Amino acid sequence: MYAFHGNHQKLILDQTDIRILNILQTNAEMNVAHIATKVFKSPTSIFTRIRKMQENGVIKRYVAVLDRRLVGRPTLVVTMVQLKQHGIEILKEFAGAMTDFPEVQFCLHLSGEYDFLLHITLIDSQEYEEFLEFKLCAHPMVQKVLSSFVLKECKSMAALPLVI
């Protein structure tokens, strides 16, 4: 079922859909049969609901969340970027350029003084210096960069709060 709000189409989720999503946000590897027992529905109906939520973009993708330190990329830097100009094409081009850099884990377009917030994962500060010099600051539209090295992740990759 869909509802429309302004120009946007929104899928209406019922209590069962929300329960399924809460389960999948906790453990995306859980099989359909196990989810079905937790929400008191048949595996076939759960499979159909999950497929529908995937097709409609509610479930975007499934990923494995890795421990940065254990895979040799312990340094996380949060970087704010201010651009020289702010045209639609410039903003799109910059965002696209950031998606090409594997070091950039998140790229968020912001309102306010800075235009983008980046989460950049690296081996060490030396690698970050090279990233700044040869990639980020080499972009012709970059005006200003403000970086902070993360000392501790207090909460990471949190599930969306869905309420039944």
Protein backbone atom coordinates (compact mmCIF):
# COMPACT_ATOMS: atom_id res chain seq x y z
CA MET A 1 0.00 0.00 0.00
CA TYR A 2 1.24 3.50 -0.85
CA ALA A 3 0.52 6.96 0.46
CA PHE A 4 1.53 10.20 -1.20
CA HIS A 5 3.06 13.14 0.64
CA GLY A 6 3.75 16.11 -1.61
CA ASN A 7 5.59 14.81 -4.67
CA HIS A 8 6.89 11.75 -2.83
CA GLN A 9 5.42 8.28 -2.83
CA LYS A 10 5.75 6.49 0.49
CA LEU A 11 5.26 2.81 1.14
CA ILE A 12 3.02 2.23 4.15
CA LEU A 13 4.52 -0.39 6.45
CA ASP A 14 2.31 -2.39 8.78
CA GLN A 15 3.28 -3.86 12.15
CA THR A 16 4.53 -7.10 10.60
CA ASP A 17 6.74 -5.21 8.12
CA ILE A 18 8.21 -3.15 10.96
CA ARG A 19 8.91 -6.28 13.02
CA ILE A 20 10.63 -7.87 10.01
CA LEU A 21 12.75 -4.76 9.45
CA ASN A 22 13.75 -4.58 13.11
CA ILE A 23 14.85 -8.23 12.96
CA LEU A 24 16.81 -7.72 9.73
CA GLN A 25 18.53 -4.60 11.12
CA THR A 26 19.76 -6.71 14.01
CA ASN A 27 20.76 -9.74 11.92
CA ALA A 28 20.36 -9.61 8.14
CA GLU A 29 21.56 -13.22 7.89
CA MET A 30 18.51 -14.57 9.70
CA ASN A 31 16.61 -16.94 7.41
CA VAL A 32 12.99 -16.43 6.42
CA ALA A 33 11.75 -19.42 8.41
CA HIS A 34 13.26 -18.07 11.64
CA ILE A 35 11.84 -14.59 11.00
CA ALA A 36 8.43 -16.17 10.35
CA THR A 37 8.43 -17.86 13.76
CA LYS A 38 9.33 -14.57 15.46
CA VAL A 39 6.48 -12.62 13.80
CA PHE A 40 3.94 -15.48 13.77
CA LYS A 41 3.48 -15.57 9.99
CA SER A 42 4.16 -18.13 7.30
CA PRO A 43 7.61 -18.25 5.67
CA THR A 44 5.98 -17.63 2.27
CA SER A 45 4.31 -14.40 3.44
CA ILE A 46 7.56 -13.23 5.06
CA PHE A 47 9.51 -13.95 1.88
CA THR A 48 6.92 -12.00 -0.14
CA ARG A 49 7.02 -9.04 2.25
CA ILE A 50 10.83 -8.90 2.23
CA ARG A 51 10.95 -9.10 -1.56
CA LYS A 52 8.34 -6.30 -1.82
CA MET A 53 10.35 -4.09 0.56
CA GLN A 54 13.49 -4.75 -1.51
CA GLU A 55 11.71 -3.95 -4.78
CA ASN A 56 10.31 -0.72 -3.32
CA GLY A 57 13.67 0.42 -1.94
CA VAL A 58 12.81 0.14 1.76
CA ILE A 59 15.60 -2.43 2.05
CA LYS A 60 18.42 -0.92 0.01
CA ARG A 61 21.06 -3.64 0.39
CA TYR A 62 22.67 -6.08 2.79
CA VAL A 63 26.24 -5.52 3.98
CA ALA A 64 28.77 -7.06 6.33
CA VAL A 65 29.88 -4.52 8.94
CA LEU A 66 33.62 -4.93 9.46
CA ASP A 67 35.78 -3.90 12.39
CA ARG A 68 38.12 -1.28 10.90
CA ARG A 69 40.94 -2.14 13.30
CA LEU A 70 40.87 -5.86 12.54
CA VAL A 71 41.08 -5.30 8.77
CA GLY A 72 44.01 -2.87 9.00
CA ARG A 73 42.19 0.46 8.59
CA PRO A 74 42.04 1.76 12.18
CA THR A 75 42.06 5.49 11.45
CA LEU A 76 38.72 7.25 11.00
CA VAL A 77 38.66 10.93 10.06
CA VAL A 78 35.56 13.10 9.89
CA THR A 79 36.13 15.80 7.30
CA MET A 80 34.00 18.83 6.53
CA VAL A 81 34.37 20.27 3.02
CA GLN A 82 33.40 23.71 1.79
CA LEU A 83 33.21 24.21 -1.97
CA LYS A 84 34.11 27.35 -3.92
CA GLN A 85 30.81 27.34 -5.81
CA HIS A 86 27.41 25.77 -5.17
CA GLY A 87 25.70 25.08 -8.48
CA ILE A 88 23.66 21.89 -8.80
CA GLU A 89 26.08 20.35 -11.30
CA ILE A 90 29.11 21.20 -9.14
CA LEU A 91 27.50 19.60 -6.08
CA LYS A 92 26.60 16.46 -8.05
CA GLU A 93 30.08 16.25 -9.58
CA PHE A 94 31.78 16.55 -6.19
CA ALA A 95 29.52 13.93 -4.61
CA GLY A 96 30.21 11.63 -7.56
CA ALA A 97 33.95 12.14 -7.21
CA MET A 98 33.77 11.15 -3.54
CA THR A 99 31.98 7.89 -4.39
CA ASP A 100 35.02 6.96 -6.51
CA PHE A 101 37.34 7.04 -3.48
CA PRO A 102 37.22 3.78 -1.50
CA GLU A 103 38.58 5.58 1.58
CA VAL A 104 35.36 7.61 1.79
CA GLN A 105 32.83 5.51 3.69
CA PHE A 106 30.14 8.20 3.96
CA CYS A 107 29.55 11.35 1.96
CA LEU A 108 26.76 13.57 3.24
CA HIS A 109 25.59 16.78 1.53
CA LEU A 110 24.88 19.38 4.22
CA SER A 111 23.25 22.73 4.70
CA GLY A 112 25.20 25.42 6.51
CA GLU A 113 28.77 26.66 6.30
CA TYR A 114 30.20 23.38 5.02
CA ASP A 115 28.79 21.58 2.00
CA PHE A 116 29.83 17.98 2.69
CA LEU A 117 30.72 15.76 5.61
CA LEU A 118 32.95 12.78 4.85
CA HIS A 119 33.84 9.74 6.94
CA ILE A 120 37.22 8.61 5.71
CA THR A 121 38.80 5.32 6.80
CA LEU A 122 42.56 4.92 6.48
CA ILE A 123 45.63 3.09 7.75
CA ASP A 124 47.19 6.10 9.51
CA SER A 125 47.66 9.87 9.49
CA GLN A 126 50.25 9.60 6.71
CA GLU A 127 47.69 7.99 4.41
CA TYR A 128 45.25 10.77 5.32
CA GLU A 129 47.83 13.41 4.41
CA GLU A 130 48.26 11.74 1.01
CA PHE A 131 44.48 11.49 0.56
CA LEU A 132 44.15 15.23 1.27
CA GLU A 133 46.99 16.25 -1.03
CA PHE A 134 46.37 13.98 -4.00
CA LYS A 135 42.64 13.39 -3.93
CA LEU A 136 40.45 15.69 -1.83
CA CYS A 137 42.31 18.99 -2.09
CA ALA A 138 43.25 18.21 -5.69
CA HIS A 139 39.57 18.62 -6.58
CA PRO A 140 39.27 22.06 -8.22
CA MET A 141 36.09 23.04 -6.35
CA VAL A 142 37.41 22.46 -2.81
CA GLN A 143 37.67 25.78 -0.94
CA LYS A 144 38.20 24.69 2.66
CA VAL A 145 38.64 21.45 4.62
CA LEU A 146 38.21 20.89 8.35
CA SER A 147 39.31 17.50 9.68
CA SER A 148 38.92 15.71 13.01
CA PHE A 149 40.48 12.37 13.85
CA VAL A 150 38.00 10.13 15.67
CA LEU A 151 39.32 9.05 19.05
CA LYS A 152 36.55 6.58 19.86
CA GLU A 153 33.37 5.39 18.18
CA CYS A 154 30.69 5.54 20.84
CA LYS A 155 27.89 4.34 18.53
CA SER A 156 28.31 3.14 14.99
CA MET A 157 25.99 1.80 12.30
CA ALA A 158 22.90 2.16 14.43
CA ALA A 159 19.63 0.63 13.25
CA LEU A 160 16.81 3.02 12.37
CA PRO A 161 14.32 3.36 15.22
CA LEU A 162 11.13 1.77 13.85
CA VAL A 163 8.16 1.70 16.20
CA ILE A 164 5.19 -0.60 15.88
